[in-house]
Amino acid sequence: MKSLVQYDIATVIRAPNITEINACIDALRKVPGVFDTNTVIILRTVS
């Protein structure tokens, strides 16, 4: 049964490519206690 409590946490991930970003997101989803995630990706070039 899912808990009705929802927490909002923002995470900033920096990676050289989308494959690495996806790997980070997949790892976050495997954290014990994480039942669901909502992912928003904002792409930005840092110079």
C-alpha atoms as a PDB file:
ATOM      1  CA  MET A   1       0.000   0.000   0.000  1.00  0.00           C
ATOM      2  CA  LYS A   2       1.332   3.429  -0.911  1.00  0.00           C
ATOM      3  CA  SER A   3       1.686   6.118   1.710  1.00  0.00           C
ATOM      4  CA  LEU A   4      -0.474   9.212   1.312  1.00  0.00           C
ATOM      5  CA  VAL A   5       2.420  11.440   2.402  1.00  0.00           C
ATOM      6  CA  GLN A   6       4.202  13.225  -0.430  1.00  0.00           C
ATOM      7  CA  TYR A   7       7.518  15.043  -0.149  1.00  0.00           C
ATOM      8  CA  ASP A   8       8.904  17.503  -2.667  1.00  0.00           C
ATOM      9  CA  ILE A   9      12.627  17.360  -3.259  1.00  0.00           C
ATOM     10  CA  ALA A  10      14.575  19.024  -6.042  1.00  0.00           C
ATOM     11  CA  THR A  11      17.813  17.511  -7.289  1.00  0.00           C
ATOM     12  CA  VAL A  12      20.296  19.110  -9.656  1.00  0.00           C
ATOM     13  CA  ILE A  13      22.181  16.604 -11.787  1.00  0.00           C
ATOM     14  CA  ARG A  14      25.105  17.533 -14.015  1.00  0.00           C
ATOM     15  CA  ALA A  15      26.275  14.979 -16.571  1.00  0.00           C
ATOM     16  CA  PRO A  16      28.109  14.976 -19.901  1.00  0.00           C
ATOM     17  CA  ASN A  17      25.268  13.253 -21.770  1.00  0.00           C
ATOM     18  CA  ILE A  18      21.645  12.111 -21.537  1.00  0.00           C
ATOM     19  CA  THR A  19      22.698   8.496 -20.896  1.00  0.00           C
ATOM     20  CA  GLU A  20      24.389   9.537 -17.650  1.00  0.00           C
ATOM     21  CA  ILE A  21      21.394  11.659 -16.640  1.00  0.00           C
ATOM     22  CA  ASN A  22      19.081   8.678 -17.201  1.00  0.00           C
ATOM     23  CA  ALA A  23      21.377   6.483 -15.097  1.00  0.00           C
ATOM     24  CA  CYS A  24      21.171   8.995 -12.226  1.00  0.00           C
ATOM     25  CA  ILE A  25      17.377   9.130 -12.454  1.00  0.00           C
ATOM     26  CA  ASP A  26      17.179   5.326 -12.486  1.00  0.00           C
ATOM     27  CA  ALA A  27      19.389   5.181  -9.377  1.00  0.00           C
ATOM     28  CA  LEU A  28      17.136   7.672  -7.557  1.00  0.00           C
ATOM     29  CA  ARG A  29      14.097   5.543  -8.345  1.00  0.00           C
ATOM     30  CA  LYS A  30      15.777   2.529  -6.695  1.00  0.00           C
ATOM     31  CA  VAL A  31      16.256   4.292  -3.339  1.00  0.00           C
ATOM     32  CA  PRO A  32      14.331   2.407  -0.638  1.00  0.00           C
ATOM     33  CA  GLY A  33      11.140   4.263   0.238  1.00  0.00           C
ATOM     34  CA  VAL A  34      10.822   5.967  -3.145  1.00  0.00           C
ATOM     35  CA  PHE A  35       7.525   4.786  -4.591  1.00  0.00           C
ATOM     36  CA  ASP A  36       7.110   7.223  -7.471  1.00  0.00           C
ATOM     37  CA  THR A  37       8.956  10.096  -9.145  1.00  0.00           C
ATOM     38  CA  ASN A  38       8.029  13.014 -11.366  1.00  0.00           C
ATOM     39  CA  THR A  39      10.935  14.089 -13.527  1.00  0.00           C
ATOM     40  CA  VAL A  40      11.381  17.432 -15.244  1.00  0.00           C
ATOM     41  CA  ILE A  41      14.512  17.961 -17.297  1.00  0.00           C
ATOM     42  CA  ILE A  42      15.709  21.468 -18.084  1.00  0.00           C
ATOM     43  CA  LEU A  43      18.637  21.360 -20.495  1.00  0.00           C
ATOM     44  CA  ARG A  44      21.168  24.134 -20.319  1.00  0.00           C
ATOM     45  CA  THR A  45      24.638  24.600 -21.727  1.00  0.00           C
ATOM     46  CA  VAL A  46      27.150  25.802 -19.167  1.00  0.00           C
ATOM     47  CA  SER A  47      30.109  27.699 -20.555  1.00  0.00           C
END
